[in-house]
């Protein structure tokens, strides 16, 4: 019986230590988050004194623990990664972002961008930290920019070519298929989008296919047709020229003999 009591006491002490450690980690995370917010807000308005916002939970509501902040977005993020960063939307709801001023909302958003990405937003996307846009408008600008930097045809090509692997469970294959379908934005695909996708999948010249998949942004239907025509004519002309050169060379060789 004494051993049981000792075991229970040791378990209680361990649980108490774990609880205190979790509280410490939560305080550190909150302090880090607040410092990041204040730094961003001060950078946006250097002459304004900004105090760290204090979160006061509503009475009668359970206190939120271990709120996971979004990951810092680094320069070079692709459209797929940016589109999948759903943590930001969840974070907005948890901290009641809509209750803050527009300037505070933007400061919080910018606090999750690293310095290089902030420079890109400022100089390339023309969205300075004192912008008149709201958070959603800023996110839309970034989304359109990252989308223009990728070729959606690649995802659609991979989707059409995707097959179940040997020994792969159906659920795993189905998940990969659905993710590619999301990446390829098939719900918004038009007839022209399907035709360009089938062109890339069906042409026999691998070099032309790789060139088409490397275009950023993806070519339109008319642009792709013109590109394929031009490439085909170039290959045909090159083959014709090579045949003529070969014929001349053979004739010269025959005359010399």
Protein backbone atom coordinates (compact mmCIF):
# COMPACT_ATOMS: atom_id res chain seq x y z
CA UNK A 1 0.00 0.00 0.00
CA UNK A 2 2.86 2.37 0.85
CA UNK A 3 4.38 1.74 -2.58
CA UNK A 4 1.10 2.61 -4.24
CA UNK A 5 0.94 5.88 -2.34
CA UNK A 6 4.51 6.69 -3.32
CA UNK A 7 3.71 5.95 -6.96
CA UNK A 8 0.62 8.17 -6.91
CA UNK A 9 2.53 11.00 -5.24
CA UNK A 10 5.33 10.75 -7.81
CA UNK A 11 2.74 10.81 -10.58
CA UNK A 12 1.09 13.90 -9.09
CA UNK A 13 4.44 15.70 -8.86
CA UNK A 14 5.24 14.84 -12.46
CA UNK A 15 1.88 16.09 -13.68
CA UNK A 16 2.32 19.33 -11.74
CA UNK A 17 5.76 19.84 -13.25
CA UNK A 18 4.40 19.21 -16.74
CA UNK A 19 1.57 21.67 -16.14
CA UNK A 20 3.97 24.39 -15.00
CA UNK A 21 6.22 23.74 -18.00
CA UNK A 22 3.26 24.09 -20.36
CA UNK A 23 2.30 27.37 -18.71
CA UNK A 24 5.87 28.66 -19.05
CA UNK A 25 5.98 27.74 -22.74
CA UNK A 26 2.61 29.42 -23.28
CA UNK A 27 3.82 32.63 -21.59
CA UNK A 28 7.01 32.64 -23.66
CA UNK A 29 5.06 32.13 -26.89
CA UNK A 30 2.63 34.90 -25.99
CA UNK A 31 5.47 37.30 -25.12
CA UNK A 32 7.25 36.51 -28.38
CA UNK A 33 4.06 37.05 -30.34
CA UNK A 34 3.37 40.38 -28.67
CA UNK A 35 6.93 41.59 -29.26
CA UNK A 36 6.64 40.71 -32.93
CA UNK A 37 3.37 42.59 -33.23
CA UNK A 38 4.71 45.69 -31.49
CA UNK A 39 7.87 45.68 -33.62
CA UNK A 40 5.83 45.51 -36.81
CA UNK A 41 3.48 48.25 -35.70
CA UNK A 42 6.36 50.52 -34.71
CA UNK A 43 8.00 49.92 -38.06
CA UNK A 44 4.78 50.95 -39.79
CA UNK A 45 4.39 54.09 -37.66
CA UNK A 46 7.78 55.07 -36.15
CA UNK A 47 6.40 58.15 -34.37
CA UNK A 48 3.61 56.31 -32.63
CA UNK A 49 4.14 54.71 -29.26
CA UNK A 50 2.65 51.25 -29.30
CA UNK A 51 1.97 49.25 -26.17
CA UNK A 52 1.70 45.46 -26.38
CA UNK A 53 -1.97 44.49 -26.64
CA UNK A 54 -3.31 42.65 -23.61
CA UNK A 55 -5.63 39.74 -24.23
CA UNK A 56 -8.51 39.60 -21.78
CA UNK A 57 -10.69 36.52 -22.21
CA UNK A 58 -14.42 37.00 -22.02
CA UNK A 59 -15.94 36.20 -18.64
CA UNK A 60 -17.60 32.85 -18.56
CA UNK A 61 -15.54 31.67 -21.56
CA UNK A 62 -12.80 29.06 -21.16
CA UNK A 63 -9.27 30.41 -21.41
CA UNK A 64 -7.56 29.48 -24.66
CA UNK A 65 -4.31 27.53 -24.28
CA UNK A 66 -1.42 27.01 -26.65
CA UNK A 67 -2.75 29.16 -29.48
CA UNK A 68 -0.66 28.19 -32.48
CA UNK A 69 0.53 31.24 -34.36
CA UNK A 70 1.01 31.03 -38.15
CA UNK A 71 4.44 30.14 -39.46
CA UNK A 72 6.58 33.03 -40.67
CA UNK A 73 6.21 33.38 -44.45
CA UNK A 74 9.59 33.55 -46.13
CA UNK A 75 10.55 35.06 -49.46
CA UNK A 76 10.16 32.62 -52.34
CA UNK A 77 6.98 30.98 -51.05
CA UNK A 78 5.03 29.34 -53.84
CA UNK A 79 1.35 29.57 -54.64
CA UNK A 80 0.65 26.08 -53.34
CA UNK A 81 2.33 26.72 -49.98
CA UNK A 82 0.66 30.12 -49.61
CA UNK A 83 -2.75 28.70 -50.49
CA UNK A 84 -2.36 25.91 -47.94
CA UNK A 85 -1.42 28.24 -45.07
CA UNK A 86 -4.85 27.91 -43.43
CA UNK A 87 -3.30 28.53 -40.01
CA UNK A 88 -3.67 32.28 -40.56
CA UNK A 89 -7.44 32.08 -40.97
CA UNK A 90 -7.78 29.98 -37.83
CA UNK A 91 -5.50 32.35 -35.94
CA UNK A 92 -7.65 35.31 -36.99
CA UNK A 93 -10.71 33.76 -35.41
CA UNK A 94 -8.91 32.89 -32.19
CA UNK A 95 -7.48 36.37 -31.57
CA UNK A 96 -10.62 38.16 -32.89
CA UNK A 97 -8.61 40.06 -35.48
CA UNK A 98 -11.73 41.76 -36.84
CA UNK A 99 -12.09 43.66 -33.55
CA UNK A 100 -8.74 45.41 -34.00
CA UNK A 101 -8.12 48.53 -36.06
CA UNK A 102 -7.08 48.19 -39.70
CA UNK A 103 -3.57 49.39 -38.84
CA UNK A 104 -3.23 46.80 -36.07
CA UNK A 105 -4.53 44.05 -38.34
CA UNK A 106 -1.95 44.91 -41.00
CA UNK A 107 0.83 45.12 -38.40
CA UNK A 108 -0.06 41.66 -37.12
CA UNK A 109 -0.13 40.28 -40.67
CA UNK A 110 3.23 41.82 -41.56
CA UNK A 111 4.74 40.49 -38.35
CA UNK A 112 4.50 37.01 -39.88
CA UNK A 113 6.51 37.98 -43.00
CA UNK A 114 10.29 37.81 -42.90
CA UNK A 115 12.38 40.83 -43.95
CA UNK A 116 13.03 39.64 -47.52
CA UNK A 117 9.35 38.95 -48.12
CA UNK A 118 8.43 42.38 -46.74
CA UNK A 119 10.87 43.93 -49.23
CA UNK A 120 9.24 42.00 -52.07
CA UNK A 121 5.78 43.16 -50.96
CA UNK A 122 6.99 46.73 -50.75
CA UNK A 123 9.05 47.05 -53.95
CA UNK A 124 7.57 44.42 -56.29
CA UNK A 125 3.95 44.19 -55.22
CA UNK A 126 3.81 47.90 -54.35
CA UNK A 127 2.21 47.32 -50.95
CA UNK A 128 4.11 49.39 -48.35
CA UNK A 129 3.53 48.96 -44.62
CA UNK A 130 1.51 52.19 -44.57
CA UNK A 131 -0.78 50.88 -47.31
CA UNK A 132 -4.43 51.87 -47.55
CA UNK A 133 -5.43 48.29 -48.31
CA UNK A 134 -7.01 46.02 -45.74
CA UNK A 135 -5.70 42.58 -44.75
CA UNK A 136 -7.85 40.64 -47.21
CA UNK A 137 -6.83 42.91 -50.10
CA UNK A 138 -3.16 42.41 -49.21
CA UNK A 139 -3.62 38.63 -49.11
CA UNK A 140 -5.37 38.76 -52.50
CA UNK A 141 -2.44 40.68 -54.01
CA UNK A 142 0.03 38.11 -52.65
CA UNK A 143 -2.14 35.23 -53.84
CA UNK A 144 -2.38 36.63 -57.36
CA UNK A 145 1.37 37.28 -57.46
CA UNK A 146 2.34 33.79 -56.29
CA UNK A 147 -0.19 32.24 -58.66
CA UNK A 148 1.37 34.13 -61.59
CA UNK A 149 4.79 32.71 -60.65
CA UNK A 150 3.69 29.11 -61.14
CA UNK A 151 2.39 27.06 -64.06
CA UNK A 152 -0.89 25.45 -63.08
CA UNK A 153 -0.59 23.19 -66.13
CA UNK A 154 2.12 21.25 -64.27
CA UNK A 155 -0.33 20.24 -61.54
CA UNK A 156 -2.98 19.36 -64.13
CA UNK A 157 -0.49 17.31 -66.14
CA UNK A 158 0.54 15.43 -63.01
CA UNK A 159 -3.12 14.92 -62.13
CA UNK A 160 -4.00 13.35 -65.47
CA UNK A 161 -0.88 11.17 -65.39
CA UNK A 162 -1.30 10.14 -61.75
CA UNK A 163 -1.71 6.41 -61.20
CA UNK A 164 -1.91 4.28 -58.10
CA UNK A 165 1.48 3.00 -57.03
CA UNK A 166 2.23 -0.66 -56.71
CA UNK A 167 1.09 -1.76 -53.26
CA UNK A 168 -0.33 1.70 -52.41
CA UNK A 169 -3.53 1.69 -50.41
CA UNK A 170 -6.48 3.28 -52.18
CA UNK A 171 -6.99 5.96 -49.49
CA UNK A 172 -3.38 7.15 -49.90
CA UNK A 173 -3.77 7.27 -53.68
CA UNK A 174 -7.10 9.06 -53.33
CA UNK A 175 -5.58 11.70 -51.03
CA UNK A 176 -2.73 12.37 -53.47
CA UNK A 177 -5.24 12.61 -56.30
CA UNK A 178 -7.44 15.09 -54.42
CA UNK A 179 -4.46 17.28 -53.48
CA UNK A 180 -3.38 17.42 -57.12
CA UNK A 181 -6.96 18.26 -58.08
CA UNK A 182 -6.89 21.16 -55.63
CA UNK A 183 -3.50 22.31 -56.93
CA UNK A 184 -4.81 22.12 -60.48
CA UNK A 185 -7.94 24.09 -59.53
CA UNK A 186 -10.09 21.72 -61.57
CA UNK A 187 -13.35 23.17 -60.25
CA UNK A 188 -12.60 26.41 -62.11
CA UNK A 189 -11.21 24.80 -65.28
CA UNK A 190 -12.72 25.91 -68.57
CA UNK A 191 -12.89 24.05 -71.87
CA UNK A 192 -9.72 25.86 -72.98
CA UNK A 193 -7.97 24.79 -69.77
CA UNK A 194 -8.85 21.15 -70.43
CA UNK A 195 -7.68 21.35 -74.05
CA UNK A 196 -4.31 22.87 -73.09
CA UNK A 197 -3.89 20.18 -70.43
CA UNK A 198 -4.66 17.41 -72.92
CA UNK A 199 -2.27 18.96 -75.45
CA UNK A 200 0.57 18.83 -72.93
CA UNK A 201 -0.31 15.24 -72.03
CA UNK A 202 -0.75 14.06 -75.62
CA UNK A 203 2.08 15.57 -77.70
CA UNK A 204 4.91 13.19 -78.57
CA UNK A 205 7.81 15.65 -78.45
CA UNK A 206 9.20 15.59 -74.90
CA UNK A 207 11.27 18.75 -75.41
CA UNK A 208 8.19 20.72 -76.44
CA UNK A 209 6.28 19.33 -73.45
CA UNK A 210 9.03 20.38 -71.02
CA UNK A 211 9.10 23.86 -72.52
CA UNK A 212 5.33 24.16 -72.14
CA UNK A 213 5.45 23.00 -68.51
CA UNK A 214 8.23 25.53 -67.83
CA UNK A 215 6.22 28.54 -68.96
CA UNK A 216 5.22 30.92 -66.15
CA UNK A 217 2.41 31.73 -66.14
CA UNK A 218 0.83 28.93 -68.14
CA UNK A 219 0.12 29.62 -71.80
CA UNK A 220 -3.42 30.20 -72.99
CA UNK A 221 -4.98 27.84 -75.52
CA UNK A 222 -4.13 30.07 -78.50
CA UNK A 223 -0.61 30.71 -77.23
CA UNK A 224 0.00 27.00 -76.75
CA UNK A 225 -1.29 26.12 -80.21
CA UNK A 226 0.95 28.81 -81.78
CA UNK A 227 3.91 27.57 -79.74
CA UNK A 228 3.41 23.97 -80.89
CA UNK A 229 3.02 25.06 -84.52
CA UNK A 230 6.19 27.14 -84.36
CA UNK A 231 8.15 24.35 -82.71
CA UNK A 232 6.94 21.80 -85.26
CA UNK A 233 7.87 24.05 -88.19
CA UNK A 234 11.29 24.72 -86.65
CA UNK A 235 11.96 21.00 -86.26
CA UNK A 236 10.77 20.34 -89.83
CA UNK A 237 12.94 23.14 -91.25
CA UNK A 238 15.94 21.91 -89.29
CA UNK A 239 15.45 18.38 -90.57
CA UNK A 240 15.09 19.68 -94.15
CA UNK A 241 18.21 21.80 -93.82
CA UNK A 242 20.18 18.89 -92.40
CA UNK A 243 19.05 16.65 -95.24
CA UNK A 244 20.20 19.22 -97.82
CA UNK A 245 23.56 19.63 -96.10
CA UNK A 246 23.94 15.86 -96.06
CA UNK A 247 23.06 15.61 -99.76
CA UNK A 248 25.63 18.28 -100.69
CA UNK A 249 28.25 16.56 -98.57
CA UNK A 250 27.56 13.22 -100.22
CA UNK A 251 27.68 14.79 -103.70
CA UNK A 252 31.05 16.44 -102.97
CA UNK A 253 32.38 13.18 -101.64
CA UNK A 254 31.17 11.34 -104.76
CA UNK A 255 32.75 13.94 -107.12
CA UNK A 256 36.09 13.74 -105.33
CA UNK A 257 36.11 10.00 -105.72
